[in-house]
Protein backbone atom coordinates (compact mmCIF):
# COMPACT_ATOMS: atom_id res chain seq x y z
CA MET A 1 3.63 35.87 -55.90
CA VAL A 2 5.27 38.63 -55.77
CA VAL A 3 6.62 40.53 -52.49
CA ARG A 4 7.18 43.96 -52.16
CA THR A 5 8.55 45.92 -49.02
CA VAL A 6 7.12 49.62 -48.54
CA GLY A 7 9.03 52.25 -46.32
CA CYS A 8 12.01 49.43 -45.59
CA ARG A 9 15.69 51.39 -45.47
CA ARG A 10 18.52 48.89 -46.50
CA ARG A 11 20.04 47.66 -43.75
CA VAL A 12 23.88 47.68 -43.73
CA ARG A 13 25.45 44.24 -43.80
CA ARG A 14 25.55 42.69 -40.07
CA GLN A 15 24.09 45.43 -38.40
CA ARG A 16 21.58 44.21 -36.31
CA SER A 17 18.60 46.94 -36.24
CA ASN A 18 14.94 47.54 -36.04
CA GLU A 19 15.09 49.40 -39.41
CA CYS A 20 13.05 47.45 -41.17
CA LEU A 21 10.46 47.25 -38.24
CA ALA A 22 8.21 49.66 -39.95
CA LYS A 23 8.03 47.92 -43.33
CA GLN A 24 4.59 47.01 -45.03
CA VAL A 25 4.45 43.38 -46.91
CA ILE A 26 2.31 43.74 -49.69
CA LEU A 27 1.71 40.16 -51.24
CA GLU A 28 0.24 40.78 -54.92
CA GLY A 29 -3.17 39.86 -55.15
CA MET A 30 -3.60 39.25 -51.52
CA THR A 31 -4.39 41.53 -48.38
CA THR A 32 -1.58 43.56 -46.96
CA VAL A 33 0.19 41.90 -44.00
CA ASP A 34 0.97 43.80 -41.18
CA PRO A 35 4.30 44.53 -40.07
CA LEU A 36 5.37 43.08 -36.63
CA SER A 37 5.45 45.25 -33.11
CA PRO A 38 9.07 45.92 -32.08
CA THR A 39 8.28 43.29 -29.29
CA GLU A 40 6.89 40.94 -31.86
CA GLU A 41 10.03 41.14 -33.81
CA ALA A 42 12.23 41.02 -30.86
CA LEU A 43 10.73 37.43 -29.94
CA TRP A 44 10.61 36.36 -33.45
CA ARG A 45 14.22 36.82 -33.72
CA ALA A 46 15.19 35.41 -30.42
CA VAL A 47 12.69 32.10 -31.09
CA MET A 48 15.09 32.01 -34.48
CA ARG A 49 18.40 32.47 -32.80
CA ILE A 50 17.26 29.45 -30.01
CA VAL A 51 16.07 27.42 -33.07
CA ARG A 52 19.33 27.57 -34.48
CA VAL A 53 21.71 27.38 -31.48
CA VAL A 54 19.98 25.26 -28.89
CA PRO A 55 20.36 22.23 -30.65
CA ARG A 56 24.06 22.42 -31.39
CA HIS A 57 24.60 23.19 -27.62
CA LEU A 58 22.70 20.00 -26.50
CA GLU A 59 24.37 17.59 -29.12
CA SER A 60 27.58 18.95 -27.94
CA ASP A 61 26.91 18.38 -24.53
CA LEU A 62 25.31 14.76 -24.99
CA ILE A 63 28.34 13.75 -27.00
CA ARG A 64 30.78 15.03 -24.62
CA GLY A 65 28.90 13.63 -21.62
CA ALA A 66 27.38 10.39 -22.54
CA GLY A 67 28.61 9.50 -26.02
CA LEU A 68 25.34 10.21 -27.83
CA THR A 69 24.14 12.06 -30.35
CA ALA A 70 20.89 14.11 -29.86
CA SER A 71 19.27 11.97 -32.16
CA GLU A 72 20.35 9.03 -30.73
CA TYR A 73 19.12 10.38 -27.32
CA THR A 74 15.60 11.04 -28.72
CA THR A 75 15.54 7.45 -30.49
CA ILE A 76 16.25 5.61 -27.39
CA MET A 77 13.92 8.01 -25.44
CA HIS A 78 11.13 7.39 -27.61
CA LEU A 79 11.61 3.64 -27.44
CA SER A 80 12.10 3.68 -23.71
CA GLU A 81 8.56 5.10 -23.47
CA ALA A 82 6.77 3.06 -25.63
CA PRO A 83 4.83 -0.09 -25.17
CA LYS A 84 7.52 -2.78 -24.26
CA ARG A 85 10.23 -0.31 -25.64
CA GLU A 86 9.38 -1.11 -29.27
CA LEU A 87 8.04 0.94 -31.79
CA ARG A 88 7.68 0.29 -35.69
CA MET A 89 10.25 2.02 -37.72
CA ALA A 90 7.97 4.28 -39.47
CA ASP A 91 6.38 5.13 -35.85
CA LEU A 92 9.87 5.81 -34.66
CA ALA A 93 11.09 7.94 -37.38
CA ASN A 94 7.48 9.93 -36.85
CA ALA A 95 8.28 10.33 -33.36
CA THR A 96 11.94 11.52 -33.56
CA GLY A 97 11.03 13.67 -36.73
CA LEU A 98 13.68 11.71 -38.83
CA SER A 99 13.30 10.52 -42.47
CA ALA A 100 12.67 6.96 -42.39
CA SER A 101 16.41 6.15 -44.10
CA ARG A 102 18.08 8.46 -41.70
CA THR A 103 16.02 6.44 -38.69
CA THR A 104 17.25 3.47 -40.65
CA ARG A 105 20.61 4.04 -40.41
CA LEU A 106 20.55 5.22 -36.57
CA VAL A 107 18.78 2.04 -35.51
CA ASP A 108 21.50 0.07 -37.73
CA ASP A 109 24.24 1.72 -35.76
CA LEU A 110 22.59 1.77 -32.45
CA GLN A 111 22.00 -1.78 -32.97
CA SER A 112 25.61 -2.44 -33.71
CA ARG A 113 26.30 -0.95 -30.37
CA GLY A 114 23.91 -3.31 -28.39
CA LEU A 115 21.72 -0.37 -27.64
CA VAL A 116 18.73 -1.42 -29.62
CA THR A 117 17.56 -4.60 -31.83
CA LYS A 118 15.61 -4.81 -35.22
CA THR A 119 13.23 -7.12 -35.85
CA ALA A 120 10.48 -8.16 -38.79
CA SER A 121 7.29 -7.07 -37.54
CA SER A 122 5.40 -9.92 -35.88
CA SER A 123 2.30 -8.50 -37.47
CA ASP A 124 3.22 -7.40 -40.52
CA ALA A 125 6.65 -9.23 -42.25
CA ARG A 126 6.93 -6.41 -44.50
CA GLY A 127 7.77 -3.95 -41.61
CA ASN A 128 10.47 -3.62 -39.09
CA VAL A 129 9.95 -3.07 -35.35
CA ALA A 130 13.08 -1.11 -33.08
CA ARG A 131 13.49 -2.52 -29.50
CA LEU A 132 15.38 -0.95 -26.42
CA THR A 133 17.64 -3.26 -24.96
CA PRO A 134 18.58 -3.46 -21.37
CA ARG A 135 22.16 -1.76 -22.49
CA GLY A 136 20.22 0.63 -24.40
CA MET A 137 18.21 1.67 -21.27
CA ALA A 138 21.37 1.76 -19.17
CA LYS A 139 22.69 4.06 -21.49
CA LEU A 140 19.75 6.02 -21.52
CA ARG A 141 19.64 6.28 -17.99
CA SER A 142 23.08 7.45 -17.83
CA ALA A 143 22.53 9.97 -20.48
CA TRP A 144 19.30 11.36 -18.86
CA PRO A 145 21.48 13.68 -16.27
CA VAL A 146 23.64 14.91 -19.08
CA HIS A 147 20.94 16.01 -20.93
CA LEU A 148 18.75 17.09 -17.96
CA ALA A 149 21.82 19.36 -16.62
CA SER A 150 22.50 20.60 -20.40
CA VAL A 151 18.64 21.64 -20.75
CA ARG A 152 18.58 23.25 -17.53
CA SER A 153 21.59 25.61 -17.71
CA ARG A 154 21.02 25.92 -21.68
CA PHE A 155 17.46 27.05 -21.16
CA PHE A 156 15.68 27.16 -18.05
CA ASP A 157 18.29 29.23 -16.38
CA SER A 158 17.75 31.82 -18.58
CA ILE A 159 14.07 32.21 -18.22
CA ASP A 160 12.09 33.79 -14.88
CA ALA A 161 10.74 30.95 -13.01
CA ALA A 162 7.44 32.53 -12.80
CA ALA A 163 7.33 32.89 -16.59
CA VAL A 164 7.93 29.45 -17.50
CA GLU A 165 4.05 28.62 -17.21
CA GLY A 166 2.98 31.23 -19.62
CA VAL A 167 5.89 30.61 -22.01
CA ALA A 168 5.14 26.71 -22.15
CA LYS A 169 1.60 27.41 -23.00
CA ALA A 170 2.25 30.21 -25.46
CA LEU A 171 4.78 28.05 -27.60
CA ALA A 172 2.50 24.73 -26.90
CA GLU A 173 -0.32 26.36 -28.76
CA VAL A 174 2.26 27.32 -31.71
CA ALA A 175 3.23 24.22 -31.92
CA ALA A 176 -0.01 22.22 -31.48
CA ARG A 177 -1.46 24.93 -34.35
CA LEU A 178 1.63 24.20 -36.52
CA GLU A 179 1.52 20.06 -36.48
CA ASP A 180 -2.32 20.74 -37.37
CA THR A 181 -1.43 22.48 -40.35
CA SER A 182 1.84 20.60 -41.53
CA ALA A 183 0.07 18.90 -44.40
CA GLU A 184 -0.95 22.24 -46.11
CA PRO A 185 1.24 24.50 -48.49
């Protein structure tokens, strides 16, 4: 597949401009793809900045305020919401969006700190189950206000309250569509 741009002036390095908004992308052997409108371009760039910056801020706030990384917080949160506060490791990896090996290392670390236990599955001896301990639940309860304050100050305080419902609906639709097509190339 060859990508050519038509009508796009070269941008000066590090210059934020909309010079390329008028470009037309032509994928050889495919139909022409319409350029983004100025409003679409502004939204897309804002989303890309948010995707890059917000996780770093949330992680920093959680580490500083609760002694947990964002991955640790997400892991114990998912365990707290599961029946019996336990999940098979594969299901936990899927819920957190982490790889199986990363989930194993993370659960092993949380286990060494007494926040979770990992045992062989009673229904399938080949698999393991992670279970949130009472100490892990207490850690989550103490971390939750830190996380909530971070999410509120880093994200929601910047959005007009009247717009939250529309933004939530639009982004939920995008997320659902992406999840439905995640297996496609």
